[in-house]
PDB file of N, CA and C in Angstrom:
ATOM      1  N   UNK A   1     -42.570  16.924  -3.010  1.00  0.00           N
ATOM      2  CA  UNK A   1     -41.653  16.255  -2.120  1.00  0.00           C
ATOM      3  C   UNK A   1     -40.720  15.232  -2.956  1.00  0.00           C
ATOM      4  N   UNK A   2     -41.342  14.468  -3.947  1.00  0.00           N
ATOM      5  CA  UNK A   2     -40.521  13.594  -4.640  1.00  0.00           C
ATOM      6  C   UNK A   2     -39.505  14.394  -5.535  1.00  0.00           C
ATOM      7  N   UNK A   3     -40.014  15.370  -6.163  1.00  0.00           N
ATOM      8  CA  UNK A   3     -38.989  16.191  -6.959  1.00  0.00           C
ATOM      9  C   UNK A   3     -37.861  16.693  -6.131  1.00  0.00           C
ATOM     10  N   UNK A   4     -38.075  17.189  -4.887  1.00  0.00           N
ATOM     11  CA  UNK A   4     -37.053  17.688  -4.072  1.00  0.00           C
ATOM     12  C   UNK A   4     -36.077  16.555  -3.601  1.00  0.00           C
ATOM     13  N   UNK A   5     -36.616  15.322  -3.325  1.00  0.00           N
ATOM     14  CA  UNK A   5     -35.730  14.320  -2.996  1.00  0.00           C
ATOM     15  C   UNK A   5     -34.834  13.947  -4.087  1.00  0.00           C
ATOM     16  N   UNK A   6     -35.512  13.885  -5.344  1.00  0.00           N
ATOM     17  CA  UNK A   6     -34.760  13.597  -6.531  1.00  0.00           C
ATOM     18  C   UNK A   6     -33.547  14.623  -6.795  1.00  0.00           C
ATOM     19  N   UNK A   7     -33.894  15.996  -6.514  1.00  0.00           N
ATOM     20  CA  UNK A   7     -32.810  16.916  -6.630  1.00  0.00           C
ATOM     21  C   UNK A   7     -31.850  16.728  -5.542  1.00  0.00           C
ATOM     22  N   UNK A   8     -32.172  16.497  -4.403  1.00  0.00           N
ATOM     23  CA  UNK A   8     -31.242  16.264  -3.389  1.00  0.00           C
ATOM     24  C   UNK A   8     -30.261  15.006  -3.698  1.00  0.00           C
ATOM     25  N   UNK A   9     -30.821  13.942  -4.106  1.00  0.00           N
ATOM     26  CA  UNK A   9     -30.078  12.788  -4.490  1.00  0.00           C
ATOM     27  C   UNK A   9     -29.145  12.978  -5.575  1.00  0.00           C
ATOM     28  N   UNK A  10     -29.659  13.741  -6.619  1.00  0.00           N
ATOM     29  CA  UNK A  10     -28.902  14.067  -7.795  1.00  0.00           C
ATOM     30  C   UNK A  10     -27.730  14.938  -7.388  1.00  0.00           C
ATOM     31  N   UNK A  11     -27.945  15.895  -6.550  1.00  0.00           N
ATOM     32  CA  UNK A  11     -26.878  16.852  -6.105  1.00  0.00           C
ATOM     33  C   UNK A  11     -25.826  16.048  -5.253  1.00  0.00           C
ATOM     34  N   UNK A  12     -26.327  15.113  -4.452  1.00  0.00           N
ATOM     35  CA  UNK A  12     -25.354  14.374  -3.593  1.00  0.00           C
ATOM     36  C   UNK A  12     -24.454  13.471  -4.356  1.00  0.00           C
ATOM     37  N   UNK A  13     -25.064  12.874  -5.463  1.00  0.00           N
ATOM     38  CA  UNK A  13     -24.280  11.919  -6.285  1.00  0.00           C
ATOM     39  C   UNK A  13     -23.384  12.732  -7.075  1.00  0.00           C
ATOM     40  N   UNK A  14     -23.726  13.904  -7.518  1.00  0.00           N
ATOM     41  CA  UNK A  14     -22.842  14.872  -8.285  1.00  0.00           C
ATOM     42  C   UNK A  14     -21.657  15.270  -7.454  1.00  0.00           C
ATOM     43  N   UNK A  15     -21.878  15.650  -6.216  1.00  0.00           N
ATOM     44  CA  UNK A  15     -20.854  16.133  -5.306  1.00  0.00           C
ATOM     45  C   UNK A  15     -19.886  15.037  -5.027  1.00  0.00           C
ATOM     46  N   UNK A  16     -20.409  13.794  -4.752  1.00  0.00           N
ATOM     47  CA  UNK A  16     -19.569  12.591  -4.487  1.00  0.00           C
ATOM     48  C   UNK A  16     -18.717  12.332  -5.665  1.00  0.00           C
ATOM     49  N   UNK A  17     -19.279  12.221  -6.742  1.00  0.00           N
ATOM     50  CA  UNK A  17     -18.521  11.835  -7.988  1.00  0.00           C
ATOM     51  C   UNK A  17     -17.546  12.911  -8.380  1.00  0.00           C
ATOM     52  N   UNK A  18     -17.935  14.258  -8.229  1.00  0.00           N
ATOM     53  CA  UNK A  18     -17.069  15.304  -8.515  1.00  0.00           C
ATOM     54  C   UNK A  18     -15.875  15.289  -7.654  1.00  0.00           C
ATOM     55  N   UNK A  19     -16.024  14.930  -6.400  1.00  0.00           N
ATOM     56  CA  UNK A  19     -14.937  14.966  -5.482  1.00  0.00           C
ATOM     57  C   UNK A  19     -13.871  13.913  -5.762  1.00  0.00           C
ATOM     58  N   UNK A  20     -14.301  12.860  -6.493  1.00  0.00           N
ATOM     59  CA  UNK A  20     -13.283  11.813  -6.951  1.00  0.00           C
ATOM     60  C   UNK A  20     -12.881  12.134  -8.308  1.00  0.00           C
ATOM     61  N   UNK A  21     -13.153  13.193  -8.947  1.00  0.00           N
ATOM     62  CA  UNK A  21     -12.632  13.437 -10.351  1.00  0.00           C
ATOM     63  C   UNK A  21     -13.456  12.657 -11.386  1.00  0.00           C
ATOM     64  N   UNK A  22     -14.620  12.102 -11.079  1.00  0.00           N
ATOM     65  CA  UNK A  22     -15.384  11.316 -12.029  1.00  0.00           C
ATOM     66  C   UNK A  22     -16.291  12.261 -12.819  1.00  0.00           C
ATOM     67  N   UNK A  23     -16.538  11.834 -14.083  1.00  0.00           N
ATOM     68  CA  UNK A  23     -17.439  12.544 -14.987  1.00  0.00           C
ATOM     69  C   UNK A  23     -18.588  11.645 -15.272  1.00  0.00           C
ATOM     70  N   UNK A  24     -19.759  12.063 -15.227  1.00  0.00           N
ATOM     71  CA  UNK A  24     -20.901  11.203 -15.666  1.00  0.00           C
ATOM     72  C   UNK A  24     -21.230  11.661 -17.042  1.00  0.00           C
ATOM     73  N   UNK A  25     -20.332  11.213 -18.014  1.00  0.00           N
ATOM     74  CA  UNK A  25     -20.524  11.736 -19.376  1.00  0.00           C
ATOM     75  C   UNK A  25     -21.168  10.669 -20.342  1.00  0.00           C
ATOM     76  N   UNK A  26     -21.704   9.651 -19.821  1.00  0.00           N
ATOM     77  CA  UNK A  26     -22.330   8.681 -20.657  1.00  0.00           C
ATOM     78  C   UNK A  26     -21.998   7.315 -20.152  1.00  0.00           C
ATOM     79  N   UNK A  27     -22.890   6.286 -20.423  1.00  0.00           N
ATOM     80  CA  UNK A  27     -22.797   5.008 -19.806  1.00  0.00           C
ATOM     81  C   UNK A  27     -21.621   4.280 -20.391  1.00  0.00           C
ATOM     82  N   UNK A  28     -21.257   4.505 -21.671  1.00  0.00           N
ATOM     83  CA  UNK A  28     -20.097   3.632 -22.259  1.00  0.00           C
ATOM     84  C   UNK A  28     -18.775   4.294 -22.032  1.00  0.00           C
ATOM     85  N   UNK A  29     -18.692   5.485 -21.432  1.00  0.00           N
ATOM     86  CA  UNK A  29     -17.403   6.118 -21.275  1.00  0.00           C
ATOM     87  C   UNK A  29     -16.729   5.640 -20.048  1.00  0.00           C
ATOM     88  N   UNK A  30     -15.428   5.211 -20.153  1.00  0.00           N
ATOM     89  CA  UNK A  30     -14.648   4.981 -18.994  1.00  0.00           C
ATOM     90  C   UNK A  30     -13.711   6.132 -18.822  1.00  0.00           C
ATOM     91  N   UNK A  31     -13.647   6.678 -17.629  1.00  0.00           N
ATOM     92  CA  UNK A  31     -12.881   7.884 -17.382  1.00  0.00           C
ATOM     93  C   UNK A  31     -11.841   7.567 -16.436  1.00  0.00           C
ATOM     94  N   UNK A  32     -10.526   7.966 -16.845  1.00  0.00           N
ATOM     95  CA  UNK A  32      -9.393   7.778 -15.885  1.00  0.00           C
ATOM     96  C   UNK A  32      -9.581   8.735 -14.741  1.00  0.00           C
ATOM     97  N   UNK A  33      -9.222   8.259 -13.553  1.00  0.00           N
ATOM     98  CA  UNK A  33      -9.460   8.989 -12.274  1.00  0.00           C
ATOM     99  C   UNK A  33      -8.290   9.791 -12.027  1.00  0.00           C
ATOM    100  N   UNK A  34      -8.570  11.139 -11.781  1.00  0.00           N
ATOM    101  CA  UNK A  34      -7.545  12.076 -11.476  1.00  0.00           C
ATOM    102  C   UNK A  34      -6.881  11.750 -10.152  1.00  0.00           C
ATOM    103  N   UNK A  35      -5.673  12.029 -10.042  1.00  0.00           N
ATOM    104  CA  UNK A  35      -5.053  11.904  -8.697  1.00  0.00           C
ATOM    105  C   UNK A  35      -4.842  10.388  -8.278  1.00  0.00           C
ATOM    106  N   UNK A  36      -4.565   9.531  -9.240  1.00  0.00           N
ATOM    107  CA  UNK A  36      -4.502   8.095  -9.008  1.00  0.00           C
ATOM    108  C   UNK A  36      -3.208   7.771  -8.127  1.00  0.00           C
ATOM    109  N   UNK A  37      -2.473   8.793  -7.761  1.00  0.00           N
ATOM    110  CA  UNK A  37      -1.423   8.648  -6.818  1.00  0.00           C
ATOM    111  C   UNK A  37      -1.923   8.988  -5.308  1.00  0.00           C
ATOM    112  N   UNK A  38      -3.122   8.802  -5.183  1.00  0.00           N
ATOM    113  CA  UNK A  38      -3.689   9.138  -3.799  1.00  0.00           C
ATOM    114  C   UNK A  38      -3.104   8.079  -2.856  1.00  0.00           C
ATOM    115  N   UNK A  39      -3.786   7.875  -1.774  1.00  0.00           N
ATOM    116  CA  UNK A  39      -3.320   6.942  -0.643  1.00  0.00           C
ATOM    117  C   UNK A  39      -3.043   5.629  -1.262  1.00  0.00           C
ATOM    118  N   UNK A  40      -1.961   5.005  -0.843  1.00  0.00           N
ATOM    119  CA  UNK A  40      -1.687   3.646  -1.170  1.00  0.00           C
ATOM    120  C   UNK A  40      -2.649   2.650  -0.567  1.00  0.00           C
ATOM    121  N   UNK A  41      -2.846   1.476  -1.249  1.00  0.00           N
ATOM    122  CA  UNK A  41      -3.747   0.546  -0.652  1.00  0.00           C
ATOM    123  C   UNK A  41      -3.115  -0.007   0.728  1.00  0.00           C
ATOM    124  N   UNK A  42      -4.124  -0.361   1.540  1.00  0.00           N
ATOM    125  CA  UNK A  42      -3.744  -0.809   2.877  1.00  0.00           C
ATOM    126  C   UNK A  42      -2.908  -2.059   2.933  1.00  0.00           C
ATOM    127  N   UNK A  43      -3.256  -3.088   2.021  1.00  0.00           N
ATOM    128  CA  UNK A  43      -2.649  -4.331   1.978  1.00  0.00           C
ATOM    129  C   UNK A  43      -1.083  -4.283   1.661  1.00  0.00           C
ATOM    130  N   UNK A  44      -0.278  -5.033   2.219  1.00  0.00           N
ATOM    131  CA  UNK A  44       1.083  -5.134   1.902  1.00  0.00           C
ATOM    132  C   UNK A  44       1.464  -5.927   0.735  1.00  0.00           C
ATOM    133  N   UNK A  45       0.573  -6.724   0.292  1.00  0.00           N
ATOM    134  CA  UNK A  45       0.747  -7.680  -0.784  1.00  0.00           C
ATOM    135  C   UNK A  45       0.553  -7.056  -2.284  1.00  0.00           C
ATOM    136  N   UNK A  46       0.114  -5.841  -2.257  1.00  0.00           N
ATOM    137  CA  UNK A  46      -0.078  -5.172  -3.469  1.00  0.00           C
ATOM    138  C   UNK A  46      -1.497  -4.629  -3.546  1.00  0.00           C
ATOM    139  N   UNK A  47      -1.900  -4.000  -4.705  1.00  0.00           N
ATOM    140  CA  UNK A  47      -3.159  -3.274  -4.798  1.00  0.00           C
ATOM    141  C   UNK A  47      -4.400  -4.266  -4.691  1.00  0.00           C
ATOM    142  N   UNK A  48      -4.307  -5.528  -5.013  1.00  0.00           N
ATOM    143  CA  UNK A  48      -5.461  -6.376  -4.999  1.00  0.00           C
ATOM    144  C   UNK A  48      -5.658  -7.040  -3.723  1.00  0.00           C
ATOM    145  N   UNK A  49      -4.773  -6.958  -2.737  1.00  0.00           N
ATOM    146  CA  UNK A  49      -4.892  -7.695  -1.536  1.00  0.00           C
ATOM    147  C   UNK A  49      -6.060  -7.286  -0.700  1.00  0.00           C
ATOM    148  N   UNK A  50      -6.490  -5.982  -0.903  1.00  0.00           N
ATOM    149  CA  UNK A  50      -7.522  -5.469  -0.066  1.00  0.00           C
ATOM    150  C   UNK A  50      -8.991  -5.940  -0.439  1.00  0.00           C
ATOM    151  N   UNK A  51      -9.111  -6.733  -1.506  1.00  0.00           N
ATOM    152  CA  UNK A  51     -10.408  -7.230  -1.895  1.00  0.00           C
ATOM    153  C   UNK A  51     -11.020  -8.182  -0.902  1.00  0.00           C
ATOM    154  N   UNK A  52     -10.170  -8.896  -0.098  1.00  0.00           N
ATOM    155  CA  UNK A  52     -10.738  -9.761   0.863  1.00  0.00           C
ATOM    156  C   UNK A  52     -11.430  -9.066   2.050  1.00  0.00           C
ATOM    157  N   UNK A  53     -11.141  -7.785   2.149  1.00  0.00           N
ATOM    158  CA  UNK A  53     -11.737  -7.039   3.280  1.00  0.00           C
ATOM    159  C   UNK A  53     -12.986  -6.238   2.844  1.00  0.00           C
ATOM    160  N   UNK A  54     -13.239  -6.322   1.519  1.00  0.00           N
ATOM    161  CA  UNK A  54     -14.581  -5.620   1.034  1.00  0.00           C
ATOM    162  C   UNK A  54     -15.782  -6.230   1.518  1.00  0.00           C
ATOM    163  N   UNK A  55     -16.772  -5.398   1.807  1.00  0.00           N
ATOM    164  CA  UNK A  55     -18.074  -5.847   2.345  1.00  0.00           C
ATOM    165  C   UNK A  55     -19.185  -5.096   1.494  1.00  0.00           C
ATOM    166  N   UNK A  56     -20.328  -5.702   1.374  1.00  0.00           N
ATOM    167  CA  UNK A  56     -21.519  -5.092   0.740  1.00  0.00           C
ATOM    168  C   UNK A  56     -21.881  -3.896   1.663  1.00  0.00           C
ATOM    169  N   UNK A  57     -22.143  -2.785   1.080  1.00  0.00           N
ATOM    170  CA  UNK A  57     -22.648  -1.565   1.807  1.00  0.00           C
ATOM    171  C   UNK A  57     -21.468  -0.592   2.131  1.00  0.00           C
ATOM    172  N   UNK A  58     -20.307  -0.973   1.751  1.00  0.00           N
ATOM    173  CA  UNK A  58     -19.135  -0.048   1.979  1.00  0.00           C
ATOM    174  C   UNK A  58     -19.310   1.232   1.212  1.00  0.00           C
ATOM    175  N   UNK A  59     -18.712   2.318   1.684  1.00  0.00           N
ATOM    176  CA  UNK A  59     -18.823   3.612   0.992  1.00  0.00           C
ATOM    177  C   UNK A  59     -17.589   3.696   0.015  1.00  0.00           C
ATOM    178  N   UNK A  60     -17.522   4.629  -0.903  1.00  0.00           N
ATOM    179  CA  UNK A  60     -16.307   4.754  -1.730  1.00  0.00           C
ATOM    180  C   UNK A  60     -15.128   5.094  -0.927  1.00  0.00           C
ATOM    181  N   UNK A  61     -15.264   5.878   0.163  1.00  0.00           N
ATOM    182  CA  UNK A  61     -14.188   6.273   1.026  1.00  0.00           C
ATOM    183  C   UNK A  61     -13.530   4.995   1.596  1.00  0.00           C
ATOM    184  N   UNK A  62     -14.462   4.025   2.076  1.00  0.00           N
ATOM    185  CA  UNK A  62     -13.902   2.718   2.667  1.00  0.00           C
ATOM    186  C   UNK A  62     -13.236   1.954   1.578  1.00  0.00           C
ATOM    187  N   UNK A  63     -13.764   1.940   0.343  1.00  0.00           N
ATOM    188  CA  UNK A  63     -12.969   1.276  -0.734  1.00  0.00           C
ATOM    189  C   UNK A  63     -11.617   1.919  -1.051  1.00  0.00           C
ATOM    190  N   UNK A  64     -11.589   3.141  -1.038  1.00  0.00           N
ATOM    191  CA  UNK A  64     -10.369   3.869  -1.303  1.00  0.00           C
ATOM    192  C   UNK A  64      -9.349   3.539  -0.192  1.00  0.00           C
ATOM    193  N   UNK A  65      -9.694   3.461   0.959  1.00  0.00           N
ATOM    194  CA  UNK A  65      -8.829   3.044   2.142  1.00  0.00           C
ATOM    195  C   UNK A  65      -8.245   1.564   1.949  1.00  0.00           C
ATOM    196  N   UNK A  66      -9.108   0.665   1.437  1.00  0.00           N
ATOM    197  CA  UNK A  66      -8.693  -0.723   1.287  1.00  0.00           C
ATOM    198  C   UNK A  66      -7.978  -0.984  -0.029  1.00  0.00           C
ATOM    199  N   UNK A  67      -8.414  -0.306  -1.123  1.00  0.00           N
ATOM    200  CA  UNK A  67      -7.760  -0.703  -2.524  1.00  0.00           C
ATOM    201  C   UNK A  67      -6.972   0.452  -3.154  1.00  0.00           C
ATOM    202  N   UNK A  68      -7.058   1.661  -2.651  1.00  0.00           N
ATOM    203  CA  UNK A  68      -6.487   2.776  -3.296  1.00  0.00           C
ATOM    204  C   UNK A  68      -7.394   3.265  -4.430  1.00  0.00           C
ATOM    205  N   UNK A  69      -6.934   4.178  -5.190  1.00  0.00           N
ATOM    206  CA  UNK A  69      -7.693   4.757  -6.303  1.00  0.00           C
ATOM    207  C   UNK A  69      -7.802   3.783  -7.460  1.00  0.00           C
ATOM    208  N   UNK A  70      -8.990   3.735  -8.194  1.00  0.00           N
ATOM    209  CA  UNK A  70      -9.077   2.844  -9.384  1.00  0.00           C
ATOM    210  C   UNK A  70      -8.334   3.384 -10.519  1.00  0.00           C
ATOM    211  N   UNK A  71      -8.051   2.577 -11.547  1.00  0.00           N
ATOM    212  CA  UNK A  71      -7.353   3.010 -12.718  1.00  0.00           C
ATOM    213  C   UNK A  71      -8.309   3.777 -13.487  1.00  0.00           C
ATOM    214  N   UNK A  72      -9.682   3.294 -13.661  1.00  0.00           N
ATOM    215  CA  UNK A  72     -10.670   3.957 -14.364  1.00  0.00           C
ATOM    216  C   UNK A  72     -12.004   3.676 -13.763  1.00  0.00           C
ATOM    217  N   UNK A  73     -12.960   4.520 -14.103  1.00  0.00           N
ATOM    218  CA  UNK A  73     -14.318   4.341 -13.644  1.00  0.00           C
ATOM    219  C   UNK A  73     -15.308   4.427 -14.879  1.00  0.00           C
ATOM    220  N   UNK A  74     -16.535   3.829 -14.581  1.00  0.00           N
ATOM    221  CA  UNK A  74     -17.598   3.925 -15.625  1.00  0.00           C
ATOM    222  C   UNK A  74     -18.849   4.145 -14.780  1.00  0.00           C
ATOM    223  N   UNK A  75     -19.590   5.217 -15.126  1.00  0.00           N
ATOM    224  CA  UNK A  75     -20.743   5.537 -14.442  1.00  0.00           C
ATOM    225  C   UNK A  75     -21.994   5.384 -15.384  1.00  0.00           C
ATOM    226  N   UNK A  76     -22.873   4.463 -14.882  1.00  0.00           N
ATOM    227  CA  UNK A  76     -24.134   4.238 -15.587  1.00  0.00           C
ATOM    228  C   UNK A  76     -25.313   4.793 -14.729  1.00  0.00           C
ATOM    229  N   UNK A  77     -26.536   4.685 -15.333  1.00  0.00           N
ATOM    230  CA  UNK A  77     -27.683   5.061 -14.501  1.00  0.00           C
ATOM    231  C   UNK A  77     -27.908   4.381 -13.167  1.00  0.00           C
ATOM    232  N   UNK A  78     -27.549   3.141 -13.193  1.00  0.00           N
ATOM    233  CA  UNK A  78     -27.817   2.325 -11.951  1.00  0.00           C
ATOM    234  C   UNK A  78     -26.663   1.839 -11.258  1.00  0.00           C
ATOM    235  N   UNK A  79     -25.531   1.665 -12.020  1.00  0.00           N
ATOM    236  CA  UNK A  79     -24.329   1.124 -11.430  1.00  0.00           C
ATOM    237  C   UNK A  79     -23.135   2.045 -11.748  1.00  0.00           C
ATOM    238  N   UNK A  80     -22.138   2.096 -10.767  1.00  0.00           N
ATOM    239  CA  UNK A  80     -20.930   2.810 -10.944  1.00  0.00           C
ATOM    240  C   UNK A  80     -19.846   1.699 -10.747  1.00  0.00           C
ATOM    241  N   UNK A  81     -18.917   1.632 -11.713  1.00  0.00           N
ATOM    242  CA  UNK A  81     -17.828   0.676 -11.748  1.00  0.00           C
ATOM    243  C   UNK A  81     -16.524   1.369 -11.507  1.00  0.00           C
ATOM    244  N   UNK A  82     -15.777   0.811 -10.580  1.00  0.00           N
ATOM    245  CA  UNK A  82     -14.381   1.146 -10.344  1.00  0.00           C
ATOM    246  C   UNK A  82     -13.424  -0.013 -10.847  1.00  0.00           C
ATOM    247  N   UNK A  83     -12.582   0.304 -11.826  1.00  0.00           N
ATOM    248  CA  UNK A  83     -11.723  -0.797 -12.397  1.00  0.00           C
ATOM    249  C   UNK A  83     -10.334  -0.629 -11.849  1.00  0.00           C
ATOM    250  N   UNK A  84      -9.737  -1.735 -11.367  1.00  0.00           N
ATOM    251  CA  UNK A  84      -8.470  -1.874 -10.921  1.00  0.00           C
ATOM    252  C   UNK A  84      -7.442  -2.521 -11.921  1.00  0.00           C
ATOM    253  N   UNK A  85      -7.856  -2.714 -13.100  1.00  0.00           N
ATOM    254  CA  UNK A  85      -6.935  -3.192 -14.180  1.00  0.00           C
ATOM    255  C   UNK A  85      -7.462  -2.532 -15.489  1.00  0.00           C
ATOM    256  N   UNK A  86      -6.759  -2.884 -16.549  1.00  0.00           N
ATOM    257  CA  UNK A  86      -7.273  -2.394 -17.953  1.00  0.00           C
ATOM    258  C   UNK A  86      -8.104  -3.469 -18.549  1.00  0.00           C
ATOM    259  N   UNK A  87      -8.478  -4.509 -17.831  1.00  0.00           N
ATOM    260  CA  UNK A  87      -9.267  -5.546 -18.448  1.00  0.00           C
ATOM    261  C   UNK A  87     -10.800  -5.321 -18.384  1.00  0.00           C
ATOM    262  N   UNK A  88     -11.256  -4.213 -17.829  1.00  0.00           N
ATOM    263  CA  UNK A  88     -12.659  -3.936 -17.749  1.00  0.00           C
ATOM    264  C   UNK A  88     -13.458  -4.960 -16.848  1.00  0.00           C
ATOM    265  N   UNK A  89     -14.574  -5.395 -17.284  1.00  0.00           N
ATOM    266  CA  UNK A  89     -15.359  -6.199 -16.436  1.00  0.00           C
ATOM    267  C   UNK A  89     -14.786  -7.592 -16.250  1.00  0.00           C
ATOM    268  N   UNK A  90     -13.816  -8.010 -17.019  1.00  0.00           N
ATOM    269  CA  UNK A  90     -13.167  -9.317 -16.746  1.00  0.00           C
ATOM    270  C   UNK A  90     -12.111  -9.192 -15.746  1.00  0.00           C
ATOM    271  N   UNK A  91     -11.697  -8.076 -15.380  1.00  0.00           N
ATOM    272  CA  UNK A  91     -10.611  -7.894 -14.353  1.00  0.00           C
ATOM    273  C   UNK A  91     -11.184  -7.494 -13.045  1.00  0.00           C
ATOM    274  N   UNK A  92     -10.271  -7.142 -12.082  1.00  0.00           N
ATOM    275  CA  UNK A  92     -10.673  -6.762 -10.767  1.00  0.00           C
ATOM    276  C   UNK A  92     -11.470  -5.422 -10.790  1.00  0.00           C
ATOM    277  N   UNK A  93     -12.652  -5.466 -10.204  1.00  0.00           N
ATOM    278  CA  UNK A  93     -13.373  -4.168 -10.116  1.00  0.00           C
ATOM    279  C   UNK A  93     -14.423  -4.207  -8.955  1.00  0.00           C
ATOM    280  N   UNK A  94     -14.932  -3.076  -8.634  1.00  0.00           N
ATOM    281  CA  UNK A  94     -15.878  -2.874  -7.591  1.00  0.00           C
ATOM    282  C   UNK A  94     -17.117  -2.135  -8.222  1.00  0.00           C
ATOM    283  N   UNK A  95     -18.343  -2.635  -7.934  1.00  0.00           N
ATOM    284  CA  UNK A  95     -19.589  -2.126  -8.392  1.00  0.00           C
ATOM    285  C   UNK A  95     -20.380  -1.452  -7.318  1.00  0.00           C
ATOM    286  N   UNK A  96     -20.674  -0.179  -7.401  1.00  0.00           N
ATOM    287  CA  UNK A  96     -21.558   0.490  -6.568  1.00  0.00           C
ATOM    288  C   UNK A  96     -22.909   0.854  -7.082  1.00  0.00           C
ATOM    289  N   UNK A  97     -23.931   0.903  -6.242  1.00  0.00           N
ATOM    290  CA  UNK A  97     -25.219   1.219  -6.571  1.00  0.00           C
ATOM    291  C   UNK A  97     -25.119   2.857  -6.817  1.00  0.00           C
ATOM    292  N   UNK A  98     -25.364   3.322  -8.002  1.00  0.00           N
ATOM    293  CA  UNK A  98     -25.186   4.765  -8.216  1.00  0.00           C
ATOM    294  C   UNK A  98     -26.113   5.645  -7.376  1.00  0.00           C
ATOM    295  N   UNK A  99     -27.274   5.199  -6.994  1.00  0.00           N
ATOM    296  CA  UNK A  99     -28.217   5.937  -6.254  1.00  0.00           C
ATOM    297  C   UNK A  99     -27.576   6.355  -4.841  1.00  0.00           C
ATOM    298  N   UNK A 100     -26.968   5.192  -4.185  1.00  0.00           N
ATOM    299  CA  UNK A 100     -26.588   5.606  -2.778  1.00  0.00           C
ATOM    300  C   UNK A 100     -24.979   5.418  -2.704  1.00  0.00           C
ATOM    301  N   UNK A 101     -24.389   4.998  -3.687  1.00  0.00           N
ATOM    302  CA  UNK A 101     -22.930   4.883  -3.737  1.00  0.00           C
ATOM    303  C   UNK A 101     -22.455   3.906  -2.635  1.00  0.00           C
ATOM    304  N   UNK A 102     -23.173   2.732  -2.551  1.00  0.00           N
ATOM    305  CA  UNK A 102     -22.766   1.687  -1.591  1.00  0.00           C
ATOM    306  C   UNK A 102     -22.340   0.523  -2.443  1.00  0.00           C
ATOM    307  N   UNK A 103     -21.313  -0.316  -2.051  1.00  0.00           N
ATOM    308  CA  UNK A 103     -20.817  -1.429  -2.775  1.00  0.00           C
ATOM    309  C   UNK A 103     -21.949  -2.454  -2.827  1.00  0.00           C
ATOM    310  N   UNK A 104     -22.145  -3.027  -4.019  1.00  0.00           N
ATOM    311  CA  UNK A 104     -23.131  -4.137  -4.083  1.00  0.00           C
ATOM    312  C   UNK A 104     -22.420  -5.376  -4.588  1.00  0.00           C
ATOM    313  N   UNK A 105     -21.326  -5.243  -5.263  1.00  0.00           N
ATOM    314  CA  UNK A 105     -20.598  -6.545  -5.572  1.00  0.00           C
ATOM    315  C   UNK A 105     -19.205  -6.102  -5.966  1.00  0.00           C
ATOM    316  N   UNK A 106     -18.268  -7.084  -6.153  1.00  0.00           N
ATOM    317  CA  UNK A 106     -16.869  -6.932  -6.619  1.00  0.00           C
ATOM    318  C   UNK A 106     -16.365  -8.161  -7.200  1.00  0.00           C
ATOM    319  N   UNK A 107     -15.233  -8.087  -7.922  1.00  0.00           N
ATOM    320  CA  UNK A 107     -14.570  -9.222  -8.464  1.00  0.00           C
ATOM    321  C   UNK A 107     -13.055  -9.004  -8.298  1.00  0.00           C
ATOM    322  N   UNK A 108     -12.397  -9.973  -7.899  1.00  0.00           N
ATOM    323  CA  UNK A 108     -10.976  -9.864  -7.558  1.00  0.00           C
ATOM    324  C   UNK A 108     -10.153 -10.100  -8.838  1.00  0.00           C
ATOM    325  N   UNK A 109     -10.524 -11.134  -9.570  1.00  0.00           N
ATOM    326  CA  UNK A 109      -9.667 -11.503 -10.751  1.00  0.00           C
ATOM    327  C   UNK A 109     -10.566 -11.478 -11.920  1.00  0.00           C
TER     328      UNK A 109
END
């Protein structure tokens, strides 16, 4: 039963990440996201204005609606990072729990 649940979870994470053009090719690799011309962020003030509407537990689809596509991503065993600038962890980013792909924290600046 545990092996089956692990396979299902791994398959679900793989499908979710694959749908966004992400590659889980190592913890230290940052991958540009394909199709970064997707839907524009909802806020009229620019790409970072949607951070005020983020909430813990949001799905990646919810975040895409609020912020648009990230500039790059980093996928680790426990956390998945979406970066909205080229400054990495010191810039605006969203952190998901890789197991269930729900927002656990974010940083605006």
